[in-house]
Every structure is written in structure tokens, then in C-alpha cells.
């Protein structure tokens, strides 16, 4: 029921330093909460646009 590309699309892929994001996995693994808390704070302060880039206002960053 729907376009398979849309139905099976990935909305969000968590960033993990040293795996799919810049940084060192060993540092991240010692305290993942601090990394995730900082990342979520950045996302919230951007109005959520890091997670929903298609709803950005025209000409918006």
C-alpha cells in the first residue's frame, strides 16, 4: 500500500562517532549519553530541522 521507496525509507539514522559520523568510537563508547544529549540539544535548538529537512522554510538553512 504505497510507494516501496517511501514506505521503506529511513527517517532517521542515529549518528555514532567513528561508525557513520566524525569522531572516535572509543571516546563515544565510554560515555554515549553525553554525546547523545549534546546532539539532541543541537537538534532541538534548530527547531528539529536536523531530523526533518524537508519541512524547512523556503530559503531556510
C-alpha atoms as a PDB file:
ATOM      1  CA  UNK A   1       0.000   0.000   0.000  1.00  0.00           C
ATOM      2  CA  UNK A   2       2.163   2.794  -1.258  1.00  0.00           C
ATOM      3  CA  UNK A   3       5.445   3.508  -2.934  1.00  0.00           C
ATOM      4  CA  UNK A   4       8.014   0.969  -1.633  1.00  0.00           C
ATOM      5  CA  UNK A   5      10.768   3.593  -1.703  1.00  0.00           C
ATOM      6  CA  UNK A   6       8.692   5.807   0.579  1.00  0.00           C
ATOM      7  CA  UNK A   7       7.378   3.037   2.831  1.00  0.00           C
ATOM      8  CA  UNK A   8      10.830   1.502   3.340  1.00  0.00           C
ATOM      9  CA  UNK A   9      12.731   4.801   3.560  1.00  0.00           C
ATOM     10  CA  UNK A  10      14.749   5.509   6.669  1.00  0.00           C
ATOM     11  CA  UNK A  11      13.556   8.599   8.538  1.00  0.00           C
ATOM     12  CA  UNK A  12      16.407   8.754  10.972  1.00  0.00           C
ATOM     13  CA  UNK A  13      19.804   7.110  11.293  1.00  0.00           C
ATOM     14  CA  UNK A  14      21.456   7.718  14.660  1.00  0.00           C
ATOM     15  CA  UNK A  15      24.941   9.157  14.392  1.00  0.00           C
ATOM     16  CA  UNK A  16      27.693   7.126  16.023  1.00  0.00           C
ATOM     17  CA  UNK A  17      31.178   8.659  16.026  1.00  0.00           C
ATOM     18  CA  UNK A  18      33.709   6.501  14.246  1.00  0.00           C
ATOM     19  CA  UNK A  19      30.964   4.495  12.538  1.00  0.00           C
ATOM     20  CA  UNK A  20      28.851   6.895  10.481  1.00  0.00           C
ATOM     21  CA  UNK A  21      29.869  10.262  11.954  1.00  0.00           C
ATOM     22  CA  UNK A  22      33.159  12.059  12.526  1.00  0.00           C
ATOM     23  CA  UNK A  23      34.848  11.244  15.797  1.00  0.00           C
ATOM     24  CA  UNK A  24      36.302   8.393  17.772  1.00  0.00           C
ATOM     25  CA  UNK A  25      34.132   5.416  18.710  1.00  0.00           C
ATOM     26  CA  UNK A  26      36.226   4.562  21.771  1.00  0.00           C
ATOM     27  CA  UNK A  27      35.616   8.022  23.231  1.00  0.00           C
ATOM     28  CA  UNK A  28      31.905   7.775  22.431  1.00  0.00           C
ATOM     29  CA  UNK A  29      31.627   4.279  23.928  1.00  0.00           C
ATOM     30  CA  UNK A  30      32.919   5.464  27.317  1.00  0.00           C
ATOM     31  CA  UNK A  31      30.050   7.962  27.689  1.00  0.00           C
ATOM     32  CA  UNK A  32      27.428   7.723  24.939  1.00  0.00           C
ATOM     33  CA  UNK A  33      24.869   9.701  26.954  1.00  0.00           C
ATOM     34  CA  UNK A  34      26.930  12.911  26.858  1.00  0.00           C
ATOM     35  CA  UNK A  35      27.307  12.658  23.087  1.00  0.00           C
ATOM     36  CA  UNK A  36      23.616  11.941  22.528  1.00  0.00           C
ATOM     37  CA  UNK A  37      22.497  14.685  24.937  1.00  0.00           C
ATOM     38  CA  UNK A  38      24.620  17.257  23.086  1.00  0.00           C
ATOM     39  CA  UNK A  39      23.369  16.015  19.718  1.00  0.00           C
ATOM     40  CA  UNK A  40      19.720  16.192  20.842  1.00  0.00           C
ATOM     41  CA  UNK A  41      20.221  19.695  22.276  1.00  0.00           C
ATOM     42  CA  UNK A  42      21.585  20.833  18.906  1.00  0.00           C
ATOM     43  CA  UNK A  43      18.631  19.230  17.139  1.00  0.00           C
ATOM     44  CA  UNK A  44      16.086  20.856  19.438  1.00  0.00           C
ATOM     45  CA  UNK A  45      17.697  24.300  19.180  1.00  0.00           C
ATOM     46  CA  UNK A  46      17.481  24.078  15.381  1.00  0.00           C
ATOM     47  CA  UNK A  47      13.721  23.614  15.569  1.00  0.00           C
ATOM     48  CA  UNK A  48      14.016  19.932  14.730  1.00  0.00           C
ATOM     49  CA  UNK A  49      15.248  20.658  11.217  1.00  0.00           C
ATOM     50  CA  UNK A  50      18.124  18.206  11.597  1.00  0.00           C
ATOM     51  CA  UNK A  51      15.548  15.427  11.623  1.00  0.00           C
ATOM     52  CA  UNK A  52      13.015  16.882   9.208  1.00  0.00           C
ATOM     53  CA  UNK A  53      14.969  18.708   6.496  1.00  0.00           C
ATOM     54  CA  UNK A  54      12.017  18.567   4.106  1.00  0.00           C
ATOM     55  CA  UNK A  55       9.939  20.885   6.323  1.00  0.00           C
ATOM     56  CA  UNK A  56      12.456  23.712   6.405  1.00  0.00           C
ATOM     57  CA  UNK A  57      11.092  27.073   5.300  1.00  0.00           C
ATOM     58  CA  UNK A  58      11.982  28.115   1.736  1.00  0.00           C
ATOM     59  CA  UNK A  59      15.455  29.601   1.697  1.00  0.00           C
ATOM     60  CA  UNK A  60      15.962  28.350   5.252  1.00  0.00           C
ATOM     61  CA  UNK A  61      19.057  26.595   6.369  1.00  0.00           C
END
